[in-house]
Amino acid sequence: MLTAMATESPTTTPPAPRVALVTGGAKRVGRGVVVALAAAGFDVALTYHRSADDAESLVEQIRQTGRRALAIKADLRDPARATAAIADTVARTFGRLDLLVNNASLYAPGDLRTLTPEALRAAFAIHVESPLLLARAFEPHLRRSRGHIVNMLDLLAERPWPAYLGYCATKAALWNLTLGLARDLAPDVTVNGIAPGVVEWPDDYPPDQREKYLKRVPLARPGTPDDVASAVLYFATAAPYVTGQVLRLDGGRSIT
């Protein structure tokens, strides 16, 4: 007679949760991205500058879902100091990074006559230097995890507004940096960009201007932070063979 013998299955360690870093993640579009990433199973670190209350409330919201969350105060106008502190904090807290979302932005007016060198340098620090230095700092982690970088661009990088010269020019520089990093970090890390049209109206944007803008949007509505978050998740979880691409998230505005 054969007797069946029970055997214990070897215990397996569940994989560590993926970790995302979202700069400027406390409010508006960045907040929507953080919430979506946490819902998708990411532990999340986010940076903020002045929005401490928003950052802490978001961290608490994420922690209540069972995910780990961390808010890091950082002034990206001082890129070397800020990015070094961010990288050190994320490495000590999580020990890994799977996704870097460079979302922090400085949307400040300034035309040929009013744009100051100081304002231009601040825009360049936030939109170009900081993403570059964060990519450098996290390169070993991202290569190890076969991770992803998503840079938040803007349609205005292609169609600049004279009243926002510094903003548009530095977003265009980030667009080019996205392409360069995609080549530099291949084949281990994908690097892509998202170029939204309107995804959340500024509070002071006049109603008549909103209506005028939407007349040139084939999908006949503004975008939302959720639309951006879905695009980030696509690049981070469903597009392993996509790199060096910029998604125009504009409801078709760029084709009109």
C-alpha atoms as a PDB file:
ATOM      1  CA  MET A   1       0.000   0.000   0.000  1.00  0.00           C
ATOM      2  CA  LEU A   2       1.309   3.392  -0.919  1.00  0.00           C
ATOM      3  CA  THR A   3       0.990   6.023   1.727  1.00  0.00           C
ATOM      4  CA  ALA A   4       0.792   9.648   0.736  1.00  0.00           C
ATOM      5  CA  MET A   5       3.058  11.841   2.780  1.00  0.00           C
ATOM      6  CA  ALA A   6       2.311  15.487   3.379  1.00  0.00           C
ATOM      7  CA  THR A   7       5.105  17.838   2.539  1.00  0.00           C
ATOM      8  CA  GLU A   8       5.435  21.435   3.512  1.00  0.00           C
ATOM      9  CA  SER A   9       5.575  23.905   0.677  1.00  0.00           C
ATOM     10  CA  PRO A  10       8.672  26.061   0.813  1.00  0.00           C
ATOM     11  CA  THR A  11       7.885  29.515   2.067  1.00  0.00           C
ATOM     12  CA  THR A  12       8.323  32.268  -0.458  1.00  0.00           C
ATOM     13  CA  THR A  13       8.985  35.878   0.317  1.00  0.00           C
ATOM     14  CA  PRO A  14       6.495  38.143  -1.405  1.00  0.00           C
ATOM     15  CA  PRO A  15       8.100  40.679  -3.725  1.00  0.00           C
ATOM     16  CA  ALA A  16       8.813  44.057  -2.203  1.00  0.00           C
ATOM     17  CA  PRO A  17       6.331  46.769  -3.197  1.00  0.00           C
ATOM     18  CA  ARG A  18       7.390  49.037  -6.008  1.00  0.00           C
ATOM     19  CA  VAL A  19       8.385  52.539  -4.967  1.00  0.00           C
ATOM     20  CA  ALA A  20       7.620  55.781  -6.814  1.00  0.00           C
ATOM     21  CA  LEU A  21       8.902  59.307  -6.264  1.00  0.00           C
ATOM     22  CA  VAL A  22       6.711  62.188  -7.473  1.00  0.00           C
ATOM     23  CA  THR A  23       8.144  65.697  -7.266  1.00  0.00           C
ATOM     24  CA  GLY A  24       5.581  68.401  -6.588  1.00  0.00           C
ATOM     25  CA  GLY A  25       3.164  65.701  -5.525  1.00  0.00           C
ATOM     26  CA  ALA A  26       1.124  67.461  -2.847  1.00  0.00           C
ATOM     27  CA  LYS A  27      -1.397  69.340  -4.985  1.00  0.00           C
ATOM     28  CA  ARG A  28      -3.286  69.393  -8.248  1.00  0.00           C
ATOM     29  CA  VAL A  29      -1.979  67.015 -10.928  1.00  0.00           C
ATOM     30  CA  GLY A  30       0.835  65.661  -8.788  1.00  0.00           C
ATOM     31  CA  ARG A  31      -1.613  64.701  -6.052  1.00  0.00           C
ATOM     32  CA  GLY A  32      -3.748  62.804  -8.555  1.00  0.00           C
ATOM     33  CA  VAL A  33      -0.689  60.904  -9.744  1.00  0.00           C
ATOM     34  CA  VAL A  34       0.314  59.987  -6.182  1.00  0.00           C
ATOM     35  CA  VAL A  35      -3.164  58.696  -5.345  1.00  0.00           C
ATOM     36  CA  ALA A  36      -3.315  56.604  -8.517  1.00  0.00           C
ATOM     37  CA  LEU A  37       0.120  55.102  -7.944  1.00  0.00           C
ATOM     38  CA  ALA A  38      -0.749  54.128  -4.385  1.00  0.00           C
ATOM     39  CA  ALA A  39      -3.983  52.531  -5.592  1.00  0.00           C
ATOM     40  CA  ALA A  40      -1.921  50.550  -8.106  1.00  0.00           C
ATOM     41  CA  GLY A  41       0.263  49.137  -5.331  1.00  0.00           C
ATOM     42  CA  PHE A  42       3.183  51.558  -5.201  1.00  0.00           C
ATOM     43  CA  ASP A  43       4.681  52.914  -2.017  1.00  0.00           C
ATOM     44  CA  VAL A  44       5.126  56.620  -2.696  1.00  0.00           C
ATOM     45  CA  ALA A  45       7.486  59.427  -1.771  1.00  0.00           C
ATOM     46  CA  LEU A  46       6.485  62.936  -2.775  1.00  0.00           C
ATOM     47  CA  THR A  47       8.191  66.286  -2.559  1.00  0.00           C
ATOM     48  CA  TYR A  48       6.654  69.622  -1.743  1.00  0.00           C
ATOM     49  CA  HIS A  49       7.912  73.153  -1.205  1.00  0.00           C
ATOM     50  CA  ARG A  50       5.313  75.249   0.618  1.00  0.00           C
ATOM     51  CA  SER A  51       2.275  72.937   0.707  1.00  0.00           C
ATOM     52  CA  ALA A  52       3.054  71.204   3.996  1.00  0.00           C
ATOM     53  CA  ASP A  53      -0.582  70.739   5.061  1.00  0.00           C
ATOM     54  CA  ASP A  54      -1.557  69.272   1.686  1.00  0.00           C
ATOM     55  CA  ALA A  55       1.471  66.965   1.731  1.00  0.00           C
ATOM     56  CA  GLU A  56       0.793  65.642   5.220  1.00  0.00           C
ATOM     57  CA  SER A  57      -2.896  65.064   4.536  1.00  0.00           C
ATOM     58  CA  LEU A  58      -2.000  63.131   1.402  1.00  0.00           C
ATOM     59  CA  VAL A  59       0.546  61.006   3.254  1.00  0.00           C
ATOM     60  CA  GLU A  60      -2.079  60.142   5.850  1.00  0.00           C
ATOM     61  CA  GLN A  61      -4.595  59.331   3.105  1.00  0.00           C
ATOM     62  CA  ILE A  62      -2.142  56.942   1.439  1.00  0.00           C
ATOM     63  CA  ARG A  63      -1.127  55.278   4.698  1.00  0.00           C
ATOM     64  CA  GLN A  64      -4.762  54.532   5.476  1.00  0.00           C
ATOM     65  CA  THR A  65      -4.847  52.374   2.337  1.00  0.00           C
ATOM     66  CA  GLY A  66      -2.013  50.225   3.680  1.00  0.00           C
ATOM     67  CA  ARG A  67       0.714  51.683   1.504  1.00  0.00           C
ATOM     68  CA  ARG A  68       3.812  53.435   2.790  1.00  0.00           C
ATOM     69  CA  ALA A  69       4.083  57.151   2.043  1.00  0.00           C
ATOM     70  CA  LEU A  70       6.597  59.873   2.742  1.00  0.00           C
ATOM     71  CA  ALA A  71       6.561  63.641   2.176  1.00  0.00           C
ATOM     72  CA  ILE A  72       9.881  65.435   1.683  1.00  0.00           C
ATOM     73  CA  LYS A  73      10.198  69.210   1.899  1.00  0.00           C
ATOM     74  CA  ALA A  74      12.493  70.379  -0.899  1.00  0.00           C
ATOM     75  CA  ASP A  75      13.228  73.647  -2.677  1.00  0.00           C
ATOM     76  CA  LEU A  76      14.156  72.573  -6.198  1.00  0.00           C
ATOM     77  CA  ARG A  77      15.372  76.062  -7.008  1.00  0.00           C
ATOM     78  CA  ASP A  78      18.537  74.815  -5.264  1.00  0.00           C
ATOM     79  CA  PRO A  79      18.868  71.613  -7.291  1.00  0.00           C
ATOM     80  CA  ALA A  80      22.135  70.193  -5.949  1.00  0.00           C
ATOM     81  CA  ARG A  81      21.163  70.476  -2.302  1.00  0.00           C
ATOM     82  CA  ALA A  82      17.527  69.459  -2.795  1.00  0.00           C
ATOM     83  CA  THR A  83      18.162  66.432  -4.978  1.00  0.00           C
ATOM     84  CA  ALA A  84      20.922  65.118  -2.700  1.00  0.00           C
ATOM     85  CA  ALA A  85      18.573  65.302   0.298  1.00  0.00           C
ATOM     86  CA  ILE A  86      15.713  63.682  -1.642  1.00  0.00           C
ATOM     87  CA  ALA A  87      17.889  60.825  -2.865  1.00  0.00           C
ATOM     88  CA  ASP A  88      19.306  60.170   0.591  1.00  0.00           C
ATOM     89  CA  THR A  89      15.878  60.178   2.244  1.00  0.00           C
ATOM     90  CA  VAL A  90      14.268  57.863  -0.321  1.00  0.00           C
ATOM     91  CA  ALA A  91      17.210  55.445  -0.238  1.00  0.00           C
ATOM     92  CA  ARG A  92      17.220  55.264   3.572  1.00  0.00           C
ATOM     93  CA  THR A  93      13.443  54.888   3.830  1.00  0.00           C
ATOM     94  CA  PHE A  94      12.658  52.511   0.979  1.00  0.00           C
ATOM     95  CA  GLY A  95      15.976  51.119  -0.245  1.00  0.00           C
ATOM     96  CA  ARG A  96      14.824  51.118  -3.858  1.00  0.00           C
ATOM     97  CA  LEU A  97      13.145  53.156  -6.579  1.00  0.00           C
ATOM     98  CA  ASP A  98      11.077  51.883  -9.485  1.00  0.00           C
ATOM     99  CA  LEU A  99       9.543  55.072 -10.851  1.00  0.00           C
ATOM    100  CA  LEU A 100      10.626  58.712 -10.909  1.00  0.00           C
ATOM    101  CA  VAL A 101       7.974  61.253 -11.933  1.00  0.00           C
ATOM    102  CA  ASN A 102       9.422  64.732 -12.461  1.00  0.00           C
ATOM    103  CA  ASN A 103       6.240  66.725 -11.976  1.00  0.00           C
ATOM    104  CA  ALA A 104       7.344  69.820 -10.035  1.00  0.00           C
ATOM    105  CA  SER A 105       6.803  72.966 -12.057  1.00  0.00           C
ATOM    106  CA  LEU A 106       7.063  76.733 -11.902  1.00  0.00           C
ATOM    107  CA  TYR A 107       4.376  78.347 -14.063  1.00  0.00           C
ATOM    108  CA  ALA A 108       5.448  81.963 -13.880  1.00  0.00           C
ATOM    109  CA  PRO A 109       4.832  84.735 -16.442  1.00  0.00           C
ATOM    110  CA  GLY A 110       7.596  86.693 -18.093  1.00  0.00           C
ATOM    111  CA  ASP A 111       7.948  88.074 -21.617  1.00  0.00           C
ATOM    112  CA  LEU A 112      10.929  89.548 -23.456  1.00  0.00           C
ATOM    113  CA  ARG A 113      10.768  92.780 -21.480  1.00  0.00           C
ATOM    114  CA  THR A 114       9.842  91.427 -18.041  1.00  0.00           C
ATOM    115  CA  LEU A 115      11.549  88.022 -17.712  1.00  0.00           C
ATOM    116  CA  THR A 116      14.421  88.415 -15.270  1.00  0.00           C
ATOM    117  CA  PRO A 117      17.590  86.294 -15.234  1.00  0.00           C
ATOM    118  CA  GLU A 118      16.685  85.171 -11.717  1.00  0.00           C
ATOM    119  CA  ALA A 119      13.249  83.942 -12.834  1.00  0.00           C
ATOM    120  CA  LEU A 120      14.746  82.141 -15.818  1.00  0.00           C
ATOM    121  CA  ARG A 121      17.339  80.442 -13.620  1.00  0.00           C
ATOM    122  CA  ALA A 122      14.619  79.339 -11.183  1.00  0.00           C
ATOM    123  CA  ALA A 123      12.573  77.788 -14.001  1.00  0.00           C
ATOM    124  CA  PHE A 124      15.664  76.063 -15.379  1.00  0.00           C
ATOM    125  CA  ALA A 125      16.575  74.731 -11.925  1.00  0.00           C
ATOM    126  CA  ILE A 126      13.149  73.156 -11.412  1.00  0.00           C
ATOM    127  CA  HIS A 127      12.404  71.978 -14.949  1.00  0.00           C
ATOM    128  CA  VAL A 128      15.844  70.835 -16.132  1.00  0.00           C
ATOM    129  CA  GLU A 129      18.569  70.673 -13.481  1.00  0.00           C
ATOM    130  CA  SER A 130      16.522  68.874 -10.852  1.00  0.00           C
ATOM    131  CA  PRO A 131      15.228  66.135 -13.202  1.00  0.00           C
ATOM    132  CA  LEU A 132      18.766  65.611 -14.484  1.00  0.00           C
ATOM    133  CA  LEU A 133      20.297  65.381 -11.008  1.00  0.00           C
ATOM    134  CA  LEU A 134      17.528  63.102  -9.731  1.00  0.00           C
ATOM    135  CA  ALA A 135      18.050  60.787 -12.699  1.00  0.00           C
ATOM    136  CA  ARG A 136      21.764  60.720 -11.903  1.00  0.00           C
ATOM    137  CA  ALA A 137      21.230  60.073  -8.208  1.00  0.00           C
ATOM    138  CA  PHE A 138      18.720  57.279  -8.749  1.00  0.00           C
ATOM    139  CA  GLU A 139      20.365  55.679 -11.782  1.00  0.00           C
ATOM    140  CA  PRO A 140      21.669  52.636  -9.853  1.00  0.00           C
ATOM    141  CA  HIS A 141      18.277  52.015  -8.239  1.00  0.00           C
ATOM    142  CA  LEU A 142      16.357  52.446 -11.487  1.00  0.00           C
ATOM    143  CA  ARG A 143      18.718  50.195 -13.438  1.00  0.00           C
ATOM    144  CA  ARG A 144      18.477  47.545 -10.738  1.00  0.00           C
ATOM    145  CA  SER A 145      14.674  47.596 -10.781  1.00  0.00           C
ATOM    146  CA  ARG A 146      14.393  47.987 -14.572  1.00  0.00           C
ATOM    147  CA  GLY A 147      12.482  51.117 -13.718  1.00  0.00           C
ATOM    148  CA  HIS A 148      10.968  54.131 -15.398  1.00  0.00           C
ATOM    149  CA  ILE A 149      11.186  57.916 -15.553  1.00  0.00           C
ATOM    150  CA  VAL A 150       8.209  60.025 -16.589  1.00  0.00           C
ATOM    151  CA  ASN A 151       8.749  63.757 -17.138  1.00  0.00           C
ATOM    152  CA  MET A 152       5.850  66.182 -17.098  1.00  0.00           C
ATOM    153  CA  LEU A 153       6.187  68.458 -20.116  1.00  0.00           C
ATOM    154  CA  ASP A 154       3.712  70.865 -21.725  1.00  0.00           C
ATOM    155  CA  LEU A 155       2.293  71.513 -25.177  1.00  0.00           C
ATOM    156  CA  LEU A 156       3.694  75.026 -24.739  1.00  0.00           C
ATOM    157  CA  ALA A 157       7.160  73.553 -25.241  1.00  0.00           C
ATOM    158  CA  GLU A 158       6.147  73.223 -28.897  1.00  0.00           C
ATOM    159  CA  ARG A 159       3.822  76.228 -29.107  1.00  0.00           C
ATOM    160  CA  PRO A 160       5.334  78.805 -26.755  1.00  0.00           C
ATOM    161  CA  TRP A 161       3.374  81.728 -25.370  1.00  0.00           C
ATOM    162  CA  PRO A 162       5.400  84.964 -25.503  1.00  0.00           C
ATOM    163  CA  ALA A 163       4.016  85.902 -22.077  1.00  0.00           C
ATOM    164  CA  TYR A 164       5.637  82.780 -20.542  1.00  0.00           C
ATOM    165  CA  LEU A 165       9.005  82.659 -22.283  1.00  0.00           C
ATOM    166  CA  GLY A 166      10.988  81.175 -19.400  1.00  0.00           C
ATOM    167  CA  TYR A 167       8.416  78.508 -18.614  1.00  0.00           C
ATOM    168  CA  CYS A 168       8.066  77.440 -22.240  1.00  0.00           C
ATOM    169  CA  ALA A 169      11.799  77.436 -22.994  1.00  0.00           C
ATOM    170  CA  THR A 170      12.719  75.354 -19.973  1.00  0.00           C
ATOM    171  CA  LYS A 171       9.905  72.868 -20.606  1.00  0.00           C
ATOM    172  CA  ALA A 172      11.301  72.539 -24.131  1.00  0.00           C
ATOM    173  CA  ALA A 173      14.700  71.811 -22.595  1.00  0.00           C
ATOM    174  CA  LEU A 174      13.122  69.099 -20.432  1.00  0.00           C
ATOM    175  CA  TRP A 175      11.526  67.649 -23.573  1.00  0.00           C
ATOM    176  CA  ASN A 176      14.967  67.342 -25.149  1.00  0.00           C
ATOM    177  CA  LEU A 177      16.434  65.978 -21.902  1.00  0.00           C
ATOM    178  CA  THR A 178      13.760  63.276 -21.926  1.00  0.00           C
ATOM    179  CA  LEU A 179      14.973  62.057 -25.309  1.00  0.00           C
ATOM    180  CA  GLY A 180      18.620  62.183 -24.271  1.00  0.00           C
ATOM    181  CA  LEU A 181      18.039  60.298 -21.022  1.00  0.00           C
ATOM    182  CA  ALA A 182      16.058  57.645 -22.876  1.00  0.00           C
ATOM    183  CA  ARG A 183      19.158  56.871 -24.915  1.00  0.00           C
ATOM    184  CA  ASP A 184      21.568  57.187 -21.996  1.00  0.00           C
ATOM    185  CA  LEU A 185      19.651  54.901 -19.628  1.00  0.00           C
ATOM    186  CA  ALA A 186      18.688  52.241 -22.180  1.00  0.00           C
ATOM    187  CA  PRO A 187      18.266  49.316 -22.106  1.00  0.00           C
ATOM    188  CA  ASP A 188      17.594  49.184 -18.370  1.00  0.00           C
ATOM    189  CA  VAL A 189      15.347  52.215 -17.781  1.00  0.00           C
ATOM    190  CA  THR A 190      12.570  53.680 -19.902  1.00  0.00           C
ATOM    191  CA  VAL A 191      12.235  57.458 -20.062  1.00  0.00           C
ATOM    192  CA  ASN A 192       9.133  59.105 -21.484  1.00  0.00           C
ATOM    193  CA  GLY A 193       7.265  62.388 -21.255  1.00  0.00           C
ATOM    194  CA  ILE A 194       3.684  63.581 -20.994  1.00  0.00           C
ATOM    195  CA  ALA A 195       2.775  66.899 -22.629  1.00  0.00           C
ATOM    196  CA  PRO A 196      -0.655  67.960 -21.405  1.00  0.00           C
ATOM    197  CA  GLY A 197      -2.844  70.707 -22.690  1.00  0.00           C
ATOM    198  CA  VAL A 198      -5.196  71.972 -20.010  1.00  0.00           C
ATOM    199  CA  VAL A 199      -5.641  69.306 -17.343  1.00  0.00           C
ATOM    200  CA  GLU A 200      -6.741  71.586 -14.521  1.00  0.00           C
ATOM    201  CA  TRP A 201      -7.769  75.192 -15.058  1.00  0.00           C
ATOM    202  CA  PRO A 202      -5.894  77.847 -13.095  1.00  0.00           C
ATOM    203  CA  ASP A 203      -8.280  79.382 -10.573  1.00  0.00           C
ATOM    204  CA  ASP A 204      -8.116  82.797 -12.243  1.00  0.00           C
ATOM    205  CA  TYR A 205      -8.530  81.579 -15.842  1.00  0.00           C
ATOM    206  CA  PRO A 206     -11.404  83.631 -17.356  1.00  0.00           C
ATOM    207  CA  PRO A 207     -14.524  81.692 -18.368  1.00  0.00           C
ATOM    208  CA  ASP A 208     -14.539  83.214 -21.863  1.00  0.00           C
ATOM    209  CA  GLN A 209     -10.948  82.046 -22.410  1.00  0.00           C
ATOM    210  CA  ARG A 210     -11.848  78.556 -21.239  1.00  0.00           C
ATOM    211  CA  GLU A 211     -14.678  78.434 -23.772  1.00  0.00           C
ATOM    212  CA  LYS A 212     -12.397  79.727 -26.514  1.00  0.00           C
ATOM    213  CA  TYR A 213      -9.788  77.070 -25.732  1.00  0.00           C
ATOM    214  CA  LEU A 214     -12.270  74.194 -25.680  1.00  0.00           C
ATOM    215  CA  LYS A 215     -13.579  75.134 -29.130  1.00  0.00           C
ATOM    216  CA  ARG A 216     -10.201  73.951 -30.454  1.00  0.00           C
ATOM    217  CA  VAL A 217     -10.209  70.661 -28.528  1.00  0.00           C
ATOM    218  CA  PRO A 218     -11.727  67.826 -30.581  1.00  0.00           C
ATOM    219  CA  LEU A 219     -12.739  65.900 -27.456  1.00  0.00           C
ATOM    220  CA  ALA A 220     -14.548  69.041 -26.243  1.00  0.00           C
ATOM    221  CA  ARG A 221     -13.452  68.975 -22.607  1.00  0.00           C
ATOM    222  CA  PRO A 222     -10.413  69.848 -20.529  1.00  0.00           C
ATOM    223  CA  GLY A 223      -8.248  67.065 -19.228  1.00  0.00           C
ATOM    224  CA  THR A 224      -8.152  66.016 -15.590  1.00  0.00           C
ATOM    225  CA  PRO A 225      -5.475  64.910 -13.128  1.00  0.00           C
ATOM    226  CA  ASP A 226      -6.904  61.397 -13.515  1.00  0.00           C
ATOM    227  CA  ASP A 227      -6.122  61.532 -17.233  1.00  0.00           C
ATOM    228  CA  VAL A 228      -2.509  62.346 -16.424  1.00  0.00           C
ATOM    229  CA  ALA A 229      -2.331  59.664 -13.740  1.00  0.00           C
ATOM    230  CA  SER A 230      -3.577  57.049 -16.211  1.00  0.00           C
ATOM    231  CA  ALA A 231      -0.814  58.024 -18.643  1.00  0.00           C
ATOM    232  CA  VAL A 232       1.817  57.780 -15.902  1.00  0.00           C
ATOM    233  CA  LEU A 233       0.552  54.314 -14.985  1.00  0.00           C
ATOM    234  CA  TYR A 234       0.716  53.282 -18.626  1.00  0.00           C
ATOM    235  CA  PHE A 235       4.385  54.192 -18.892  1.00  0.00           C
ATOM    236  CA  ALA A 236       5.155  52.683 -15.471  1.00  0.00           C
ATOM    237  CA  THR A 237       3.280  49.398 -15.724  1.00  0.00           C
ATOM    238  CA  ALA A 238       2.176  48.599 -19.267  1.00  0.00           C
ATOM    239  CA  ALA A 239       4.799  49.910 -21.696  1.00  0.00           C
ATOM    240  CA  PRO A 240       8.114  48.059 -21.241  1.00  0.00           C
ATOM    241  CA  TYR A 241       9.001  48.521 -24.932  1.00  0.00           C
ATOM    242  CA  VAL A 242       8.247  52.258 -25.059  1.00  0.00           C
ATOM    243  CA  THR A 243      11.000  54.789 -24.433  1.00  0.00           C
ATOM    244  CA  GLY A 244      11.948  58.227 -25.706  1.00  0.00           C
ATOM    245  CA  GLN A 245       8.325  59.087 -26.456  1.00  0.00           C
ATOM    246  CA  VAL A 246       6.221  62.112 -25.576  1.00  0.00           C
ATOM    247  CA  LEU A 247       2.481  61.618 -25.178  1.00  0.00           C
ATOM    248  CA  ARG A 248       0.466  64.707 -26.110  1.00  0.00           C
ATOM    249  CA  LEU A 249      -2.334  64.496 -23.575  1.00  0.00           C
ATOM    250  CA  ASP A 250      -4.520  67.250 -24.973  1.00  0.00           C
ATOM    251  CA  GLY A 251      -7.826  65.901 -26.213  1.00  0.00           C
ATOM    252  CA  GLY A 252      -6.578  66.429 -29.771  1.00  0.00           C
ATOM    253  CA  ARG A 253      -5.696  70.122 -29.323  1.00  0.00           C
ATOM    254  CA  SER A 254      -2.315  69.653 -30.996  1.00  0.00           C
ATOM    255  CA  ILE A 255      -3.895  68.557 -34.283  1.00  0.00           C
ATOM    256  CA  THR A 256      -6.165  71.590 -34.678  1.00  0.00           C
END
